[in-house]
Amino acid sequence: MNQKTILVLGAATLAAVAATTALQSGRANDTRPASTEERLLPALGDRVNDVREIGIEAAGGPLTLRAEGTGWVLSEAAGYPADGEKVRTFLLGLRDARRLEPKTANADRYERLGLVEPDGEGAASVRVTLRDGEGATVETVLIGKQRTSRAEPAAAQMGVTPDTQYYALPGEGPQTFLASGQLGVDPQPLRWVNSEFLNVDRTRIASAAITHPDGAEVLALREDMGQNEMVVQDIPEGMVAKTPSGTAQLLGALQRLRFEDVRRADSLEWPEEIISDATFTTEGGLKVSVETMKVADEDDPETMVTWSRVSFALEPEAPDASPIAGEEPTEAPEAEGPSREELEAEVAELQAATEGWAYALPSWKETSFRLRPEGVMEPAPEPAPEPAPDGTDAPPGETAGPAPLKMTPPPEGGGI
C-alpha cells in the first residue's frame, strides 16, 4: 500500500469519527422526551368490552352508536343496525393507540394542533366519548390534526407502512400527545351502516310486473333464463315492443340494492294514490314486492326523493301431475336452484331484516321500480303503401285504378 493510499484512508476515518461525534453530541443536547409507548387511553385496555355507547361529535353534527343485543345500532338512523365489523375495528383502534410523545399542556396552543372543540368555528377535530351500560364515561379523547411521520418516506421505500400519527387530547386534559394508531374517525352517520339492504341476483329473475296509480302496467317475462332481456307482455293494438326492449334494468333491479337514506316506514305517509308497485318473481317462486312513492325532500322541496318499502312471499308449490291411467308415474325432474326449504328460510331472513323500514333509493336506480309502458313500447310503424298496378306509386291513402280509355272524336259533317 503506497503512502498516498494511506493518507486517503486516514482522512476518511477521521471524517467518519468526526461525524459520529457530532451526531452523538446532537443527541445528547436533544431534550425531546422519548416515546412513552403507553396507551393513549389507558382505561380502555381492560374495559373495551364494557363500552356500550360511542358518541362522536364533529363539525357536521353528532352521531351515536349504541350496543343493542349482540350488535350495534345508529341512533341518528332511527336505530338502524350499524356495521358491527366497522364498530369493532374502530374500538380496537382506539384501544391500541399509543402515546408517542407529550406535546403542549398550554390550552392557548391547542389550536395549532387542531385540538379545538368540534363546535368551534372552522374546527376539523373530532371528540369521541365511550360510555358503559350505565352511561358512565369509560374514556374520552379529542382528536386533532394528522401529522405525517418523518419516517414515512424511508419506510415506504422499504415497503413498510408506519402507523398514522395524530395530535390528541385524552381525558379532560390539559396534557396533549402525539399519538400513533388508527385514530381516523368517519363523521358521516350513514357510513356506519351497511347501505346494501337487498341482493337478489339478476340470473334468478323470471318475471316482473309494475303497476302505477293511474292504471298503467308493465309486464315482462323471461322466456329463456339465459337471456339478458325479457319479453314484454300484453302489448296493446297499435304498439310494439321496443328493440332492445329496455327490460334489462328489471333483471338487475334487486341486485346489490343500496339506499341513500333510511327511516322507519311508519314515520312517512304512504298515500295510495301515489304509490307504484313492482313485483319480481324468481324461477323458484320467491316474490319480492317493492312499493315506491316519489315525494319532495323535507329539507329541499325542489328535490324529489323516491322512498321504498319491500315485502316478500313464496308462491304456492305447483301440484304434482297425476299419472295417466295405465301408465307408471314418472319421477319429477330435480329442480334447479334453491330448494323449497331454502327459499322459505330466505323469505324469513329477508323479511326480518327489512320489515318496518323505508329506504330512499338513488335517482339512477328508482326507474327500475317505476318503469312505465312508454319505456318498453312504442307505436307500430306505418305499413308501406302497396305499389300501383301500372308500376307507379299511388298517392298516400289512395289505391291506383285501371288507366282511363282514350275516345276518338267523330269526323266533322257526320256520316257513318
Protein backbone atom coordinates (compact mmCIF):
# COMPACT_ATOMS: atom_id res chain seq x y z
CA MET A 1 0.00 0.00 0.00
CA ASN A 2 1.61 3.33 -1.03
CA GLN A 3 1.80 6.49 1.03
CA LYS A 4 -0.93 8.27 -0.94
CA THR A 5 -3.46 5.47 -0.29
CA ILE A 6 -2.71 5.52 3.44
CA LEU A 7 -3.28 9.27 3.61
CA VAL A 8 -6.67 8.97 1.84
CA LEU A 9 -7.87 6.20 4.18
CA GLY A 10 -6.73 8.15 7.19
CA ALA A 11 -8.65 11.22 6.12
CA ALA A 12 -11.82 9.19 5.57
CA THR A 13 -11.51 7.61 9.02
CA LEU A 14 -11.09 11.00 10.70
CA ALA A 15 -14.18 12.30 8.84
CA ALA A 16 -16.28 9.34 9.99
CA VAL A 17 -15.17 9.79 13.59
CA ALA A 18 -16.00 13.48 13.45
CA ALA A 19 -19.46 12.80 12.03
CA THR A 20 -20.20 10.20 14.71
CA THR A 21 -19.06 12.57 17.46
CA ALA A 22 -21.25 15.35 16.10
CA LEU A 23 -24.27 13.02 15.89
CA GLN A 24 -23.78 11.83 19.46
CA SER A 25 -23.33 15.39 20.65
CA GLY A 26 -26.56 16.39 18.91
CA ARG A 27 -28.43 13.53 20.54
CA ALA A 28 -27.03 14.48 23.95
CA ASN A 29 -28.37 18.02 23.51
CA ASP A 30 -31.78 16.82 22.23
CA THR A 31 -34.11 17.36 25.17
CA ARG A 32 -37.23 15.98 23.48
CA PRO A 33 -38.79 13.16 25.53
CA ALA A 34 -38.55 9.67 24.11
CA SER A 35 -41.63 7.74 23.04
CA THR A 36 -43.66 6.71 26.07
CA GLU A 37 -45.35 3.79 24.23
CA GLU A 38 -48.17 4.00 26.78
CA ARG A 39 -51.76 3.55 25.70
CA LEU A 40 -53.37 6.77 24.58
CA LEU A 41 -56.50 5.74 26.52
CA PRO A 42 -55.25 3.64 29.46
CA ALA A 43 -58.66 2.67 30.87
CA LEU A 44 -59.75 1.21 27.55
CA GLY A 45 -57.19 -1.59 27.69
CA ASP A 46 -59.17 -3.56 30.25
CA ARG A 47 -62.62 -2.12 29.60
CA VAL A 48 -63.07 -2.19 25.84
CA ASN A 49 -65.80 -4.84 26.23
CA ASP A 50 -67.64 -2.60 28.71
CA VAL A 51 -68.27 0.05 26.06
CA ARG A 52 -71.97 0.12 25.16
CA GLU A 53 -72.22 3.55 23.59
CA ILE A 54 -69.96 5.57 21.30
CA GLY A 55 -70.60 9.27 20.97
CA ILE A 56 -68.90 11.10 18.09
CA GLU A 57 -69.01 14.89 17.85
CA ALA A 58 -67.81 16.55 14.64
CA ALA A 59 -68.46 19.75 12.73
CA GLY A 60 -71.31 18.12 10.80
CA GLY A 61 -73.16 17.20 13.99
CA PRO A 62 -73.22 14.35 16.50
CA LEU A 63 -73.73 10.66 15.91
CA THR A 64 -74.33 7.93 18.46
CA LEU A 65 -73.73 4.21 18.19
CA ARG A 66 -75.42 2.02 20.79
CA ALA A 67 -74.91 -1.64 21.61
CA GLU A 68 -78.21 -3.47 21.32
CA GLY A 69 -78.43 -7.22 21.84
CA THR A 70 -75.45 -8.75 20.08
CA GLY A 71 -74.99 -5.86 17.64
CA TRP A 72 -74.85 -2.09 17.31
CA VAL A 73 -77.41 0.44 16.05
CA LEU A 74 -77.19 4.02 14.85
CA SER A 75 -79.40 6.43 16.79
CA GLU A 76 -79.42 9.03 14.00
CA ALA A 77 -80.94 6.43 11.63
CA ALA A 78 -83.84 5.56 13.94
CA GLY A 79 -81.90 2.63 15.41
CA TYR A 80 -80.98 1.01 12.09
CA PRO A 81 -78.36 -1.76 12.51
CA ALA A 82 -74.79 -0.49 12.27
CA ASP A 83 -71.89 -2.26 10.59
CA GLY A 84 -70.65 -4.32 13.53
CA GLU A 85 -67.25 -5.02 12.00
CA LYS A 86 -66.59 -1.33 11.43
CA VAL A 87 -67.54 -0.53 15.04
CA ARG A 88 -65.31 -3.33 16.35
CA THR A 89 -62.33 -2.18 14.25
CA PHE A 90 -62.83 1.38 15.47
CA LEU A 91 -62.87 0.38 19.15
CA LEU A 92 -59.79 -1.80 18.81
CA GLY A 93 -58.00 1.04 17.01
CA LEU A 94 -58.71 3.34 19.95
CA ARG A 95 -57.61 0.66 22.44
CA ASP A 96 -54.30 0.06 20.66
CA ALA A 97 -53.39 3.71 20.01
CA ARG A 98 -50.12 4.75 21.71
CA ARG A 99 -48.68 7.96 23.11
CA LEU A 100 -45.52 8.76 21.15
CA GLU A 101 -44.52 11.92 22.99
CA PRO A 102 -46.09 14.66 25.09
CA LYS A 103 -46.88 17.96 23.44
CA THR A 104 -48.15 21.21 24.85
CA ALA A 105 -50.20 21.47 28.04
CA ASN A 106 -50.98 25.11 27.34
CA ALA A 107 -54.58 25.50 26.19
CA ASP A 108 -53.65 28.64 24.26
CA ARG A 109 -51.61 26.43 21.90
CA TYR A 110 -54.20 23.72 21.30
CA GLU A 111 -55.41 25.36 18.11
CA ARG A 112 -52.03 24.78 16.42
CA LEU A 113 -52.57 21.05 16.83
CA GLY A 114 -56.18 21.19 15.68
CA LEU A 115 -57.36 20.46 19.22
CA VAL A 116 -60.32 22.80 19.50
CA GLU A 117 -63.81 21.56 20.35
CA PRO A 118 -65.77 20.37 17.27
CA ASP A 119 -68.41 23.08 17.66
CA GLY A 120 -65.78 25.81 17.32
CA GLU A 121 -65.56 27.93 14.18
CA GLY A 122 -63.67 26.16 11.42
CA ALA A 123 -62.97 23.14 13.63
CA ALA A 124 -61.80 19.92 11.98
CA SER A 125 -61.41 17.98 15.21
CA VAL A 126 -63.49 15.06 16.45
CA ARG A 127 -64.39 14.21 20.03
CA VAL A 128 -65.06 10.57 20.88
CA THR A 129 -66.74 9.62 24.16
CA LEU A 130 -67.07 5.99 25.20
CA ARG A 131 -69.69 5.06 27.82
CA ASP A 132 -70.61 1.86 29.62
CA GLY A 133 -74.05 0.33 30.09
CA GLU A 134 -74.81 2.68 32.96
CA GLY A 135 -73.99 5.75 30.92
CA ALA A 136 -70.73 6.42 32.78
CA THR A 137 -67.76 7.62 30.73
CA VAL A 138 -65.08 4.99 30.18
CA GLU A 139 -62.79 7.25 28.14
CA THR A 140 -62.97 10.42 26.09
CA VAL A 141 -60.49 11.86 23.61
CA LEU A 142 -60.29 14.88 21.33
CA ILE A 143 -58.53 14.02 18.08
CA GLY A 144 -56.91 16.84 16.14
CA LYS A 145 -54.65 17.15 13.11
CA GLN A 146 -52.99 14.20 11.46
CA ARG A 147 -49.21 14.51 11.25
CA THR A 148 -47.10 12.94 8.54
CA SER A 149 -44.42 10.84 10.17
CA ARG A 150 -40.85 11.74 9.26
CA ALA A 151 -40.19 8.02 8.93
CA GLU A 152 -42.80 7.53 6.22
CA PRO A 153 -40.64 8.29 3.12
CA ALA A 154 -37.89 5.90 4.20
CA ALA A 155 -40.41 3.30 5.35
CA ALA A 156 -42.24 3.49 2.03
CA GLN A 157 -39.02 2.69 0.18
CA MET A 158 -38.70 -0.43 2.33
CA GLY A 159 -42.31 -1.44 1.70
CA VAL A 160 -43.37 -0.68 5.28
CA THR A 161 -46.47 1.36 6.17
CA PRO A 162 -45.97 3.06 9.55
CA ASP A 163 -48.88 3.85 11.84
CA THR A 164 -50.62 7.15 11.23
CA GLN A 165 -49.97 9.88 13.76
CA TYR A 166 -52.44 12.34 15.26
CA TYR A 167 -52.39 15.04 17.88
CA ALA A 168 -54.74 14.05 20.68
CA LEU A 169 -56.03 15.30 24.00
CA PRO A 170 -57.16 12.35 26.13
CA GLY A 171 -59.45 12.77 29.08
CA GLU A 172 -60.13 16.26 30.29
CA GLY A 173 -56.56 17.49 29.63
CA PRO A 174 -54.52 19.57 29.87
CA GLN A 175 -51.68 17.37 28.52
CA THR A 176 -51.71 16.75 24.76
CA PHE A 177 -49.84 13.99 22.94
CA LEU A 178 -48.61 12.96 19.56
CA ALA A 179 -50.21 9.53 19.21
CA SER A 180 -49.95 6.69 16.72
CA GLY A 181 -52.64 4.28 15.66
CA GLN A 182 -55.88 4.02 13.73
CA LEU A 183 -57.46 7.23 15.00
CA GLY A 184 -59.27 8.35 11.88
CA VAL A 185 -62.98 8.91 12.60
CA ASP A 186 -65.73 8.88 9.97
CA PRO A 187 -68.12 11.72 10.93
CA GLN A 188 -70.85 10.76 8.39
CA PRO A 189 -73.61 8.81 10.20
CA LEU A 190 -74.80 6.66 7.28
CA ARG A 191 -71.27 5.43 6.63
CA TRP A 192 -71.57 3.46 9.87
CA VAL A 193 -74.30 1.24 8.42
CA ASN A 194 -74.32 -1.23 5.56
CA SER A 195 -76.38 0.55 2.88
CA GLU A 196 -76.91 -2.63 0.85
CA PHE A 197 -80.26 -3.92 2.06
CA LEU A 198 -81.21 -6.40 -0.67
CA ASN A 199 -79.35 -8.61 -3.13
CA VAL A 200 -81.24 -10.94 -5.48
CA ASP A 201 -79.02 -11.88 -8.39
CA ARG A 202 -80.23 -10.98 -11.88
CA THR A 203 -79.85 -14.57 -13.03
CA ARG A 204 -82.76 -15.59 -10.78
CA ILE A 205 -85.41 -13.13 -12.01
CA ALA A 206 -88.12 -14.81 -14.12
CA SER A 207 -90.79 -12.10 -14.32
CA ALA A 208 -91.51 -8.51 -13.38
CA ALA A 209 -94.77 -6.58 -13.12
CA ILE A 210 -95.12 -2.85 -12.41
CA THR A 211 -98.45 -1.17 -11.67
CA HIS A 212 -98.87 2.61 -11.46
CA PRO A 213 -101.60 4.53 -9.63
CA ASP A 214 -103.07 5.73 -12.97
CA GLY A 215 -103.57 2.12 -14.06
CA ALA A 216 -100.57 1.92 -16.40
CA GLU A 217 -98.91 -1.50 -16.30
CA VAL A 218 -95.72 -3.17 -17.48
CA LEU A 219 -95.48 -6.96 -17.53
CA ALA A 220 -92.36 -8.79 -18.72
CA LEU A 221 -91.43 -12.48 -18.73
CA ARG A 222 -88.08 -14.12 -19.14
CA GLU A 223 -88.78 -16.92 -21.58
CA ASP A 224 -85.13 -18.01 -21.62
CA MET A 225 -83.28 -17.66 -18.28
CA GLY A 226 -80.04 -17.23 -20.18
CA GLN A 227 -81.19 -14.09 -21.99
CA ASN A 228 -80.35 -10.54 -20.87
CA GLU A 229 -83.75 -9.17 -21.89
CA MET A 230 -87.32 -10.07 -21.04
CA VAL A 231 -90.33 -10.35 -23.34
CA VAL A 232 -92.90 -7.58 -22.86
CA GLN A 233 -96.43 -8.94 -22.42
CA ASP A 234 -99.95 -7.58 -23.04
CA ILE A 235 -98.87 -5.13 -25.73
CA PRO A 236 -101.97 -3.18 -26.87
CA GLU A 237 -103.03 -2.96 -30.50
CA GLY A 238 -101.06 -0.41 -32.45
CA MET A 239 -98.00 -0.77 -30.21
CA VAL A 240 -94.87 -2.93 -30.42
CA ALA A 241 -92.05 -3.72 -28.01
CA LYS A 242 -89.02 -1.50 -28.29
CA THR A 243 -85.84 -3.10 -29.60
CA PRO A 244 -83.95 -3.51 -27.38
CA SER A 245 -86.95 -3.65 -25.09
CA GLY A 246 -85.35 -1.85 -22.13
CA THR A 247 -86.27 -4.66 -19.75
CA ALA A 248 -82.64 -5.43 -18.86
CA GLN A 249 -82.88 -2.97 -15.97
CA LEU A 250 -85.69 -5.05 -14.48
CA LEU A 251 -83.39 -8.07 -14.25
CA GLY A 252 -80.81 -6.13 -12.23
CA ALA A 253 -83.25 -4.11 -10.13
CA LEU A 254 -82.78 -6.16 -6.94
CA GLN A 255 -79.09 -6.91 -7.34
CA ARG A 256 -76.94 -5.20 -4.70
CA LEU A 257 -79.68 -2.68 -3.96
CA ARG A 258 -78.47 0.20 -1.77
CA PHE A 259 -80.14 3.13 -0.07
CA GLU A 260 -79.15 6.77 0.33
CA ASP A 261 -81.21 7.23 3.49
CA VAL A 262 -83.23 5.02 5.81
CA ARG A 263 -86.17 5.65 8.15
CA ARG A 264 -88.91 3.85 9.98
CA ALA A 265 -91.61 3.17 7.40
CA ASP A 266 -94.35 4.37 9.75
CA SER A 267 -92.63 7.75 10.07
CA LEU A 268 -93.67 8.51 6.45
CA GLU A 269 -97.13 8.95 4.95
CA TRP A 270 -97.91 6.47 2.17
CA PRO A 271 -100.89 7.79 0.15
CA GLU A 272 -102.28 5.04 -2.07
CA GLU A 273 -102.81 7.47 -4.95
CA ILE A 274 -99.05 8.00 -5.43
CA ILE A 275 -97.69 4.51 -4.77
CA SER A 276 -96.33 2.37 -7.61
CA ASP A 277 -95.96 -1.37 -7.01
CA ALA A 278 -93.25 -3.52 -8.62
CA THR A 279 -93.28 -7.30 -8.12
CA PHE A 280 -90.38 -9.52 -9.12
CA THR A 281 -90.62 -13.32 -9.14
CA THR A 282 -87.68 -15.70 -9.24
CA GLU A 283 -87.62 -19.01 -11.07
CA GLY A 284 -88.16 -20.82 -7.79
CA GLY A 285 -91.17 -18.75 -6.73
CA LEU A 286 -89.67 -16.08 -4.46
CA LYS A 287 -91.80 -12.93 -4.81
CA VAL A 288 -90.31 -9.55 -3.95
CA SER A 289 -92.73 -6.60 -3.83
CA VAL A 290 -91.30 -3.08 -3.84
CA GLU A 291 -93.68 -0.19 -3.22
CA THR A 292 -92.33 3.24 -4.13
CA MET A 293 -93.50 6.82 -3.88
CA LYS A 294 -91.87 9.99 -5.08
CA VAL A 295 -92.13 12.95 -2.70
CA ALA A 296 -90.40 16.28 -2.14
CA ASP A 297 -87.41 16.27 0.18
CA GLU A 298 -88.24 17.77 3.57
CA ASP A 299 -85.07 19.89 3.63
CA ASP A 300 -85.08 20.80 -0.07
CA PRO A 301 -88.57 20.93 -1.64
CA GLU A 302 -87.02 21.32 -5.11
CA THR A 303 -85.54 17.81 -4.85
CA MET A 304 -87.68 14.69 -5.25
CA VAL A 305 -86.88 11.57 -3.25
CA THR A 306 -88.09 8.05 -4.06
CA TRP A 307 -88.89 6.12 -0.89
CA SER A 308 -89.44 2.37 -0.99
CA ARG A 309 -90.64 -0.40 1.28
CA VAL A 310 -90.29 -4.09 0.50
CA SER A 311 -92.07 -7.33 1.34
CA PHE A 312 -91.52 -10.98 0.46
CA ALA A 313 -93.63 -14.08 -0.16
CA LEU A 314 -93.33 -17.52 -1.67
CA GLU A 315 -95.62 -18.72 -4.42
CA PRO A 316 -97.55 -21.94 -3.65
CA GLU A 317 -95.96 -25.12 -4.89
CA ALA A 318 -97.41 -26.42 -8.13
CA PRO A 319 -99.43 -29.61 -7.54
CA ASP A 320 -97.87 -32.85 -8.75
CA ALA A 321 -99.26 -34.02 -12.08
CA SER A 322 -101.37 -37.19 -11.72
CA PRO A 323 -100.22 -40.11 -13.89
CA ILE A 324 -102.41 -41.12 -16.87
CA ALA A 325 -104.45 -44.23 -16.21
CA GLY A 326 -102.48 -47.35 -17.02
CA GLU A 327 -99.12 -45.58 -17.05
CA GLU A 328 -96.42 -45.74 -14.43
CA PRO A 329 -95.87 -42.44 -12.58
CA THR A 330 -92.68 -40.75 -13.67
CA GLU A 331 -90.24 -39.06 -11.33
CA ALA A 332 -90.34 -35.29 -11.49
CA PRO A 333 -87.08 -33.82 -12.73
CA GLU A 334 -84.87 -32.47 -9.99
CA ALA A 335 -85.46 -28.74 -9.63
CA GLU A 336 -82.56 -26.37 -10.19
CA GLY A 337 -81.74 -23.58 -7.78
CA PRO A 338 -82.67 -23.31 -4.07
CA SER A 339 -84.86 -25.96 -2.50
CA ARG A 340 -88.27 -25.13 -1.04
CA GLU A 341 -86.82 -25.19 2.46
CA GLU A 342 -84.00 -22.85 1.45
CA LEU A 343 -86.48 -20.45 -0.14
CA GLU A 344 -88.64 -20.42 2.99
CA ALA A 345 -85.57 -19.64 5.09
CA GLU A 346 -84.58 -16.88 2.65
CA VAL A 347 -88.02 -15.25 2.87
CA ALA A 348 -87.92 -15.30 6.67
CA GLU A 349 -84.43 -13.78 6.75
CA LEU A 350 -85.24 -11.05 4.25
CA GLN A 351 -88.49 -10.15 5.96
CA ALA A 352 -86.81 -9.91 9.36
CA ALA A 353 -84.08 -7.61 8.00
CA THR A 354 -86.35 -5.19 6.12
CA GLU A 355 -89.74 -5.22 7.83
CA GLY A 356 -90.70 -1.80 9.15
CA TRP A 357 -88.02 0.12 7.23
CA ALA A 358 -88.25 2.59 4.35
CA TYR A 359 -85.33 3.16 2.03
CA ALA A 360 -84.51 6.21 -0.11
CA LEU A 361 -83.37 4.91 -3.49
CA PRO A 362 -80.68 6.53 -5.66
CA SER A 363 -82.16 8.50 -8.56
CA TRP A 364 -80.41 6.30 -11.13
CA LYS A 365 -81.97 3.19 -9.62
CA GLU A 366 -85.56 4.25 -8.98
CA THR A 367 -86.56 3.91 -12.65
CA SER A 368 -86.15 0.13 -12.35
CA PHE A 369 -89.16 0.12 -10.00
CA ARG A 370 -91.20 2.82 -11.74
CA LEU A 371 -90.77 1.81 -15.39
CA ARG A 372 -93.75 2.92 -17.49
CA PRO A 373 -95.19 1.34 -20.68
CA GLU A 374 -93.65 4.03 -22.88
CA GLY A 375 -90.27 2.84 -21.64
CA VAL A 376 -90.71 -0.59 -23.23
CA MET A 377 -93.28 0.02 -26.00
CA GLU A 378 -93.64 2.32 -28.99
CA PRO A 379 -96.21 2.89 -31.77
CA ALA A 380 -96.12 0.29 -34.51
CA PRO A 381 -94.61 1.62 -37.76
CA GLU A 382 -97.00 2.60 -40.57
CA PRO A 383 -97.28 -0.14 -43.24
CA ALA A 384 -95.58 0.63 -46.56
CA PRO A 385 -98.04 1.59 -49.38
CA GLU A 386 -98.78 -1.10 -51.97
CA PRO A 387 -97.41 -0.39 -55.49
CA ALA A 388 -99.92 0.61 -58.21
CA PRO A 389 -100.72 -1.94 -60.97
CA ASP A 390 -99.02 0.20 -63.66
CA GLY A 391 -95.85 0.30 -61.60
CA THR A 392 -96.33 3.83 -60.27
CA ASP A 393 -96.87 4.60 -56.68
CA ALA A 394 -100.35 5.66 -55.73
CA PRO A 395 -100.81 8.82 -53.66
CA PRO A 396 -100.87 8.17 -49.91
CA GLY A 397 -104.23 6.87 -48.82
CA GLU A 398 -105.43 6.14 -52.39
CA THR A 399 -105.47 2.98 -54.47
CA ALA A 400 -104.48 3.20 -58.14
CA GLY A 401 -107.24 2.04 -60.57
CA PRO A 402 -107.13 0.98 -64.27
CA ALA A 403 -105.90 3.58 -66.80
CA PRO A 404 -108.83 5.55 -68.48
CA LEU A 405 -109.80 4.67 -72.13
CA LYS A 406 -108.94 7.21 -74.87
CA MET A 407 -112.01 8.13 -77.07
CA THR A 408 -111.54 9.31 -80.75
CA PRO A 409 -114.00 12.13 -81.73
CA PRO A 410 -116.23 11.52 -84.83
CA PRO A 411 -115.33 13.26 -88.12
CA GLU A 412 -116.93 16.59 -88.98
CA GLY A 413 -120.07 16.51 -91.10
CA GLY A 414 -121.42 13.33 -89.69
CA GLY A 415 -121.82 10.13 -91.60
CA ILE A 416 -121.15 6.58 -90.80
